[in-house]
Protein backbone atom coordinates (compact mmCIF):
# COMPACT_ATOMS: atom_id res chain seq x y z
CA MET A 1 106.53 98.83 126.20
CA LYS A 2 105.23 98.94 122.63
CA PHE A 3 107.43 98.02 119.67
CA LEU A 4 106.69 98.65 116.00
CA VAL A 5 107.92 96.04 113.50
CA ILE A 6 108.19 97.19 109.88
CA ASN A 7 108.75 95.16 106.72
CA SER A 8 109.07 97.62 103.85
CA GLY A 9 108.83 96.32 100.30
CA SER A 10 109.14 98.07 96.96
CA SER A 11 105.42 98.87 96.82
CA SER A 12 104.19 97.84 100.27
CA ILE A 13 104.68 98.26 104.00
CA LYS A 14 103.74 95.53 106.47
CA TYR A 15 103.72 96.40 110.15
CA GLN A 16 102.80 95.19 113.62
CA VAL A 17 102.54 96.88 116.99
CA ILE A 18 103.50 94.49 119.80
CA ASP A 19 103.23 95.05 123.55
CA MET A 20 106.51 93.47 124.63
CA THR A 21 105.57 93.24 128.29
CA THR A 22 103.24 90.39 127.33
CA GLU A 23 104.34 89.81 123.70
CA THR A 24 100.77 90.61 122.66
CA VAL A 25 99.95 91.86 119.16
CA LEU A 26 98.00 95.14 119.38
CA ALA A 27 97.67 95.85 115.66
CA THR A 28 98.74 94.50 112.28
CA GLY A 29 98.64 96.39 109.04
CA LEU A 30 99.43 96.42 105.36
CA VAL A 31 99.92 99.33 102.98
CA GLU A 32 100.15 98.14 99.40
CA ARG A 33 100.10 99.37 95.81
CA ILE A 34 102.26 102.32 96.81
CA GLY A 35 102.78 104.63 93.82
CA GLU A 36 99.79 103.27 91.89
CA THR A 37 96.60 105.13 91.11
CA THR A 38 94.71 103.50 93.98
CA GLY A 39 96.46 102.17 97.05
CA HIS A 40 95.17 99.79 99.70
CA LEU A 41 95.46 100.41 103.44
CA GLN A 42 94.33 97.76 105.90
CA THR A 43 94.82 97.63 109.67
CA THR A 44 93.47 95.10 112.15
CA PHE A 45 93.27 96.14 115.79
CA TYR A 46 93.44 93.87 118.83
CA PRO A 47 92.81 96.35 121.67
CA GLY A 48 92.93 93.87 124.52
CA THR A 49 89.48 92.41 123.89
CA ASP A 50 88.23 89.28 122.16
CA GLN A 51 86.67 91.37 119.43
CA GLU A 52 89.09 92.48 116.74
CA ARG A 53 88.36 95.50 114.58
CA GLU A 54 89.45 96.16 111.05
CA SER A 55 89.90 99.33 109.05
CA VAL A 56 90.17 99.17 105.25
CA ALA A 57 90.65 102.10 102.89
CA GLU A 58 91.30 102.52 99.18
CA GLN A 59 93.23 105.72 98.52
CA ALA A 60 96.15 107.04 96.52
CA ILE A 61 99.44 106.41 98.34
CA ALA A 62 102.15 108.35 96.55
CA ASP A 63 105.22 106.99 98.34
CA HIS A 64 106.47 105.25 101.49
CA ASP A 65 106.32 108.48 103.45
CA SER A 66 102.62 109.01 102.79
CA GLY A 67 101.96 105.28 103.34
CA MET A 68 103.61 105.31 106.75
CA ARG A 69 101.86 108.52 107.76
CA SER A 70 98.49 107.07 106.72
CA ALA A 71 99.16 104.01 108.85
CA LEU A 72 100.23 106.22 111.75
CA ALA A 73 96.97 108.16 111.53
CA LEU A 74 95.09 104.91 112.11
CA LEU A 75 97.38 103.75 114.91
CA THR A 76 96.96 107.06 116.76
CA ASP A 77 93.18 107.16 116.31
CA PRO A 78 91.85 107.61 119.90
CA GLU A 79 88.98 105.22 119.21
CA GLN A 80 91.40 102.37 118.53
CA GLY A 81 93.39 102.79 121.73
CA ILE A 82 96.70 101.55 120.32
CA ILE A 83 99.04 104.53 120.74
CA ALA A 84 98.43 108.18 121.54
CA HIS A 85 101.62 109.60 120.05
CA THR A 86 104.73 108.50 118.18
CA THR A 87 106.64 108.66 121.48
CA ASP A 88 104.53 105.73 122.72
CA ILE A 89 106.60 103.49 120.45
CA ALA A 90 109.57 102.42 122.57
CA ALA A 91 111.56 100.99 119.65
CA ILE A 92 111.22 100.01 116.00
CA GLY A 93 112.50 96.89 114.28
CA HIS A 94 113.10 96.81 110.54
CA ARG A 95 113.37 93.65 108.49
CA VAL A 96 116.35 94.04 106.15
CA VAL A 97 116.81 91.32 103.58
CA HIS A 98 120.55 91.48 102.92
CA GLY A 99 123.33 92.37 105.32
CA GLY A 100 126.08 90.83 103.21
CA GLU A 101 129.16 90.04 105.28
CA ASP A 102 128.78 93.27 107.25
CA PHE A 103 126.31 92.03 109.86
CA ARG A 104 126.34 88.86 111.96
CA ALA A 105 123.62 90.16 114.30
CA SER A 106 120.86 92.72 114.59
CA THR A 107 122.14 96.23 115.18
CA LEU A 108 121.09 99.73 116.15
CA ILE A 109 120.69 101.81 113.01
CA THR A 110 123.31 104.53 112.60
CA PRO A 111 124.56 106.45 109.57
CA ALA A 112 127.28 103.81 109.18
CA VAL A 113 124.67 101.03 109.22
CA LEU A 114 122.57 102.84 106.61
CA ALA A 115 125.65 103.15 104.42
CA ALA A 116 126.37 99.42 104.76
CA ILE A 117 122.78 98.50 103.84
CA GLU A 118 123.07 100.74 100.80
CA ARG A 119 126.41 99.17 99.91
CA ASN A 120 124.68 95.77 99.81
CA ILE A 121 121.96 96.89 97.37
CA PRO A 122 123.68 95.08 94.44
CA LEU A 123 123.21 91.79 96.35
CA ALA A 124 119.45 92.37 96.75
CA PRO A 125 118.46 95.29 94.50
CA LEU A 126 114.69 94.73 94.77
CA HIS A 127 114.74 94.46 98.56
CA ASN A 128 117.47 96.52 100.21
CA GLN A 129 116.46 99.78 98.53
CA ALA A 130 112.87 99.28 99.67
CA ASN A 131 114.07 98.42 103.16
CA LEU A 132 116.09 101.64 103.20
CA ASP A 133 113.08 103.68 102.09
CA GLY A 134 111.08 102.34 105.01
CA ILE A 135 113.89 102.94 107.49
CA ARG A 136 114.41 106.54 106.44
CA VAL A 137 110.72 107.36 106.64
CA ALA A 138 110.41 105.73 110.05
CA MET A 139 113.49 107.57 111.35
CA GLU A 140 111.88 110.86 110.37
CA ILE A 141 108.43 110.08 111.79
CA PHE A 142 109.65 108.31 114.96
CA ALA A 143 112.67 110.50 115.57
CA ASP A 144 112.76 109.78 119.31
CA SER A 145 112.60 105.99 119.05
CA PRO A 146 115.66 103.74 118.68
CA GLN A 147 115.55 101.80 115.43
CA VAL A 148 117.10 98.39 114.87
CA ALA A 149 117.93 96.54 111.65
CA VAL A 150 117.23 92.79 111.74
CA PHE A 151 118.86 91.00 108.81
CA ASP A 152 117.53 87.89 107.02
CA THR A 153 121.12 86.89 106.30
CA ALA A 154 122.68 87.46 109.74
CA PHE A 155 121.83 84.04 111.21
CA HIS A 156 123.72 82.32 108.40
CA GLN A 157 126.94 84.29 108.85
CA THR A 158 128.19 81.44 111.04
CA MET A 159 128.46 79.16 107.99
CA PRO A 160 132.06 77.94 107.52
CA PRO A 161 133.90 78.82 104.31
CA ARG A 162 133.50 75.28 102.98
CA ALA A 163 129.73 75.82 103.04
CA PHE A 164 129.43 79.37 101.74
CA HIS A 165 132.02 79.42 98.95
CA TYR A 166 131.11 78.65 95.37
CA ALA A 167 133.72 76.83 93.27
CA LEU A 168 134.30 79.92 91.13
CA PRO A 169 137.37 82.09 90.53
CA TYR A 170 138.27 83.36 94.00
CA ALA A 171 138.52 86.93 92.72
CA LEU A 172 134.73 87.00 92.37
CA TYR A 173 134.47 86.53 96.12
CA GLU A 174 137.23 89.01 96.93
CA GLN A 175 136.04 91.74 94.60
CA ASP A 176 132.31 91.23 94.25
CA ARG A 177 131.39 89.20 97.38
CA VAL A 178 129.98 86.34 95.31
CA ARG A 179 129.15 83.60 97.85
CA ARG A 180 126.23 81.87 99.49
CA TYR A 181 124.44 83.99 102.10
CA GLY A 182 121.13 82.27 102.87
CA PHE A 183 117.83 83.93 103.84
CA HIS A 184 114.81 83.40 106.12
CA GLY A 185 117.33 83.60 108.96
CA THR A 186 114.88 85.24 111.35
CA SER A 187 112.41 82.38 110.90
CA HIS A 188 115.06 79.67 111.23
CA ARG A 189 116.48 81.27 114.38
CA PHE A 190 113.01 81.62 115.94
CA VAL A 191 111.85 78.03 115.40
CA ALA A 192 115.25 76.69 116.47
CA GLY A 193 114.86 78.47 119.79
CA GLU A 194 111.33 77.17 120.21
CA CYS A 195 112.47 73.64 119.37
CA ALA A 196 115.26 73.80 121.96
CA ARG A 197 112.69 74.82 124.55
CA LEU A 198 110.48 71.84 123.63
CA LEU A 199 113.48 69.52 123.79
CA ALA A 200 114.35 70.99 127.21
CA LYS A 201 117.93 71.52 126.03
CA PRO A 202 120.04 74.66 125.64
CA LEU A 203 120.03 75.73 122.00
CA ALA A 204 123.83 75.60 122.05
CA GLN A 205 123.56 71.82 122.52
CA CYS A 206 121.01 71.21 119.74
CA ASN A 207 121.59 69.87 116.24
CA LEU A 208 118.53 70.67 114.15
CA ILE A 209 117.28 70.74 110.57
CA THR A 210 114.74 73.55 110.17
CA VAL A 211 112.49 73.36 107.11
CA HIS A 212 110.77 76.62 106.12
CA LEU A 213 108.17 75.81 103.45
CA GLY A 214 105.98 78.59 102.10
CA ASN A 215 105.83 80.34 98.75
CA GLY A 216 109.54 80.77 99.39
CA CYS A 217 111.31 77.72 100.81
CA SER A 218 114.58 77.10 102.59
CA MET A 219 116.24 74.58 104.86
CA THR A 220 119.00 75.10 107.41
CA ALA A 221 121.42 72.76 109.16
CA ILE A 222 121.94 74.02 112.72
CA GLU A 223 124.87 72.61 114.69
CA ASN A 224 125.12 73.45 118.39
CA GLY A 225 122.64 76.27 117.89
CA VAL A 226 124.26 78.00 114.89
CA SER A 227 123.68 77.80 111.15
CA VAL A 228 126.36 75.76 109.38
CA ASP A 229 124.62 75.33 106.02
CA THR A 230 121.44 76.47 104.31
CA SER A 231 119.73 75.85 100.99
CA LEU A 232 119.32 79.40 99.69
CA GLY A 233 122.39 80.94 98.15
CA MET A 234 123.65 84.32 96.99
CA THR A 235 120.03 85.05 96.08
CA PRO A 236 116.72 83.48 97.18
CA LEU A 237 116.67 81.32 94.02
CA GLU A 238 118.94 78.41 94.92
CA GLY A 239 117.89 75.25 96.71
CA LEU A 240 114.39 73.87 97.23
CA VAL A 241 111.46 73.98 94.79
CA MET A 242 109.33 77.02 95.64
CA GLY A 243 106.02 78.52 94.58
CA THR A 244 107.36 80.33 91.53
CA ARG A 245 111.16 79.89 91.95
CA CYS A 246 112.99 76.95 90.45
CA GLY A 247 115.56 76.18 93.12
CA ASP A 248 118.60 74.21 91.95
CA VAL A 249 119.10 74.04 88.17
CA ASP A 250 122.09 73.49 85.92
CA PRO A 251 123.82 76.89 85.55
CA ALA A 252 124.37 76.15 81.87
CA LEU A 253 120.59 76.43 81.41
CA HIS A 254 121.03 80.18 80.93
CA LEU A 255 123.25 79.72 77.88
CA PHE A 256 120.98 77.00 76.50
CA LEU A 257 117.91 79.24 76.76
CA HIS A 258 119.75 82.15 75.20
CA GLN A 259 121.09 80.17 72.27
CA ASN A 260 118.04 78.03 71.59
CA LYS A 261 115.12 80.19 72.70
CA GLY A 262 116.55 83.66 72.05
CA MET A 263 115.95 84.72 75.66
CA ASP A 264 118.07 87.47 77.17
CA LEU A 265 119.32 87.39 80.77
CA VAL A 266 116.50 89.58 82.08
CA ALA A 267 113.87 87.29 80.59
CA ILE A 268 115.64 84.17 81.89
CA ASP A 269 115.90 85.64 85.38
CA ALA A 270 112.21 86.58 85.35
CA MET A 271 111.27 83.06 84.25
CA LEU A 272 113.35 81.35 86.94
CA ASN A 273 112.00 83.62 89.68
CA LYS A 274 108.37 84.15 88.68
CA GLU A 275 107.29 81.41 86.28
CA SER A 276 109.07 78.33 87.59
CA GLY A 277 108.84 76.15 90.69
CA LEU A 278 105.42 74.65 91.35
CA LYS A 279 103.85 77.17 88.99
CA GLY A 280 106.19 76.20 86.18
CA LEU A 281 105.48 72.50 86.62
CA CYS A 282 101.69 72.60 86.82
CA GLY A 283 100.50 76.18 86.33
CA LEU A 284 99.54 76.57 90.01
CA ASN A 285 101.49 77.82 93.01
CA ASP A 286 98.88 77.72 95.78
CA MET A 287 99.34 74.35 97.48
CA ARG A 288 95.62 74.02 98.19
CA ASP A 289 94.87 74.31 94.47
CA ILE A 290 97.62 71.85 93.63
CA HIS A 291 96.29 69.22 96.04
CA LYS A 292 92.78 69.66 94.64
CA ALA A 293 94.02 69.32 91.07
CA ALA A 294 96.13 66.26 91.91
CA ALA A 295 93.18 64.61 93.65
CA GLY A 296 91.16 65.21 90.48
CA GLY A 297 93.69 63.32 88.37
CA ASP A 298 95.88 66.21 87.16
CA GLU A 299 99.19 64.45 86.46
CA ARG A 300 101.23 67.65 86.35
CA ALA A 301 99.92 68.72 89.74
CA ALA A 302 100.91 65.32 91.12
CA LEU A 303 104.31 65.73 89.45
CA ALA A 304 104.79 69.15 91.08
CA LEU A 305 104.14 67.65 94.51
CA ALA A 306 106.51 64.77 93.80
CA VAL A 307 109.31 67.03 92.57
CA GLN A 308 109.05 69.38 95.52
CA THR A 309 108.91 66.71 98.21
CA TYR A 310 111.71 64.72 96.56
CA ARG A 311 113.94 67.81 96.60
CA ASN A 312 113.04 68.37 100.26
CA ARG A 313 114.01 64.78 101.06
CA LYS A 314 117.35 65.11 99.24
CA TYR A 315 118.25 68.22 101.25
CA ILE A 316 117.18 66.66 104.55
CA GLY A 317 119.43 63.68 103.78
CA ALA A 318 122.31 65.95 102.83
CA PHE A 319 121.97 68.01 105.99
CA MET A 320 121.80 64.85 108.12
CA ALA A 321 125.17 63.96 106.60
CA VAL A 322 126.49 67.46 107.37
CA LEU A 323 125.40 67.29 111.02
CA GLY A 324 126.02 63.64 111.83
CA ARG A 325 123.81 63.75 114.91
CA VAL A 326 120.33 65.25 114.46
CA ASP A 327 118.14 65.91 117.50
CA ALA A 328 115.11 67.14 115.58
CA ILE A 329 113.64 68.18 112.23
CA VAL A 330 111.34 71.20 112.39
CA PHE A 331 108.70 72.10 109.79
CA THR A 332 107.46 75.69 109.69
CA ALA A 333 105.81 78.40 107.54
CA GLY A 334 102.56 78.09 105.59
CA ILE A 335 103.12 74.73 103.89
CA GLY A 336 105.38 73.30 106.57
CA GLU A 337 102.83 74.03 109.28
CA ASN A 338 99.66 73.05 107.42
CA ASP A 339 100.40 70.31 104.89
CA PRO A 340 100.69 66.79 106.35
CA PHE A 341 101.13 65.25 102.89
CA VAL A 342 104.18 67.37 102.09
CA ARG A 343 105.69 66.63 105.51
CA ALA A 344 105.14 62.88 105.15
CA GLU A 345 106.50 62.72 101.60
CA SER A 346 109.50 64.86 102.54
CA LEU A 347 110.43 62.32 105.25
CA LYS A 348 109.52 59.20 103.28
CA GLY A 349 112.18 56.50 103.42
CA LEU A 350 114.23 58.12 106.18
CA GLU A 351 113.34 55.51 108.82
CA ALA A 352 116.81 53.98 108.48
CA PHE A 353 118.22 57.33 109.59
CA GLY A 354 116.14 57.38 112.76
CA VAL A 355 113.17 59.40 111.47
CA ARG A 356 109.85 57.75 112.35
CA LEU A 357 106.80 59.90 111.64
CA ASP A 358 103.55 59.24 113.50
CA PRO A 359 100.76 59.37 110.86
CA ASP A 360 98.06 60.27 113.37
CA LYS A 361 100.05 63.07 114.97
CA ASN A 362 101.10 64.33 111.54
CA SER A 363 97.51 64.49 110.27
CA GLY A 364 96.29 66.52 113.25
CA HIS A 365 96.20 70.30 113.21
CA THR A 366 96.13 72.53 116.26
CA GLY A 367 97.99 75.67 115.19
CA GLU A 368 100.33 75.10 118.13
CA ALA A 369 103.87 73.78 118.30
CA ARG A 370 103.72 70.00 118.50
CA ILE A 371 105.70 66.81 118.02
CA ILE A 372 104.61 64.58 115.12
CA SER A 373 107.14 61.74 115.35
CA GLN A 374 106.67 58.36 116.99
CA ASN A 375 107.74 57.96 120.61
CA ASP A 376 110.65 55.72 119.60
CA SER A 377 111.91 58.04 116.83
CA ARG A 378 115.60 58.76 117.39
CA VAL A 379 115.20 62.01 115.47
CA ARG A 380 112.20 63.91 116.71
CA VAL A 381 109.99 65.76 114.24
CA PHE A 382 108.18 68.97 115.16
CA VAL A 383 105.74 71.39 113.60
CA ILE A 384 106.46 74.83 115.03
CA PRO A 385 104.61 77.93 113.76
CA THR A 386 107.01 80.68 112.83
CA ASN A 387 106.50 84.24 114.01
CA GLU A 388 108.99 86.48 112.28
CA GLU A 389 107.46 89.70 113.63
CA LEU A 390 107.79 88.52 117.22
CA ALA A 391 111.28 87.25 116.45
CA ILE A 392 112.22 90.70 115.12
CA ALA A 393 110.70 92.36 118.20
CA ARG A 394 112.74 90.08 120.48
CA GLU A 395 115.87 90.95 118.53
CA VAL A 396 115.06 94.63 118.99
CA ALA A 397 114.59 94.14 122.72
CA GLY A 398 117.98 92.43 122.92
CA VAL A 399 119.68 95.32 121.14
CA VAL A 400 118.04 98.27 122.91
CA GLN A 401 118.15 96.69 126.36
CA GLY A 402 121.71 95.50 125.99
């Protein structure tokens, strides 16, 4: 039973083929620079042997349709042994960034679902349109396969009104759906489930703080298995300090920049999303480069690390207050899984709240889910690798199999 997972961006398509009988990845691929003079097509095959194979091509890719068909040509290549025909794909899962208030769970794609995704384009204009492009192409190419939309925002639709409302004129919520939605929901849901398994407790009995730290960062308070608060807001700009995104700032900053720097709203938005965060503080947004610079005496690189980890610690403390009882804190994603310094600094000073990190366990690296807290820590601390593609595939299985 082979599933295809698709993440369609404005100029790229990421995909995986997964054999769901064993949850084994058969192929991963990336089509990028769609619409540019020269596109890039890369697929890695894992045909059931220890020896992976890779195919890389540079060619013009006019649009998502030609990109998907180019990828399909590789996947159906007899020499690769992945699939023989489009009908070999039992189901397709699509990552959709924004489901608004329309979707609390993954759902089979129908004309009504397509219309709802389109209706939510104003909430995520750069993402939802691209997601729709990918869905429509896939529905044409894989006409016989059920297709499922898996929403980044769905997991957070359990947030209570006190958590998702902004203190703004209520008409903005009623008329324009201005509220906090949260993102990275698929990742938070996945690691929460894995953490419950490691705790040997039903997820519905777990209170967790999940910390997704990558180029994009978010944190979620999970009470009895459901999201009750999260750091990202109406857009993926609020909250933690990220690679190029600022996280929390004074909203009056926009007016200040306009009046004193002559910046218009488009320029301000671009700065906050693409030139801020770690990059804004020290000129770098790859954590490996930042650590190297800080070790070499770069004070701004050290400042960037301090600002990010301090913000992480503030949110962890806030979410501990929200939950009251915390069974575990989970670090995931590229930085969360691989950076012991960031983990340690993000938990610094929380011993009084029952968080006792084990330095030796924290400094180790296995690539596997593991506990990094001391044996007597009241709040356990885990590192759990996220796997959003597998999480999407599992969601698809739940929808198509009932």
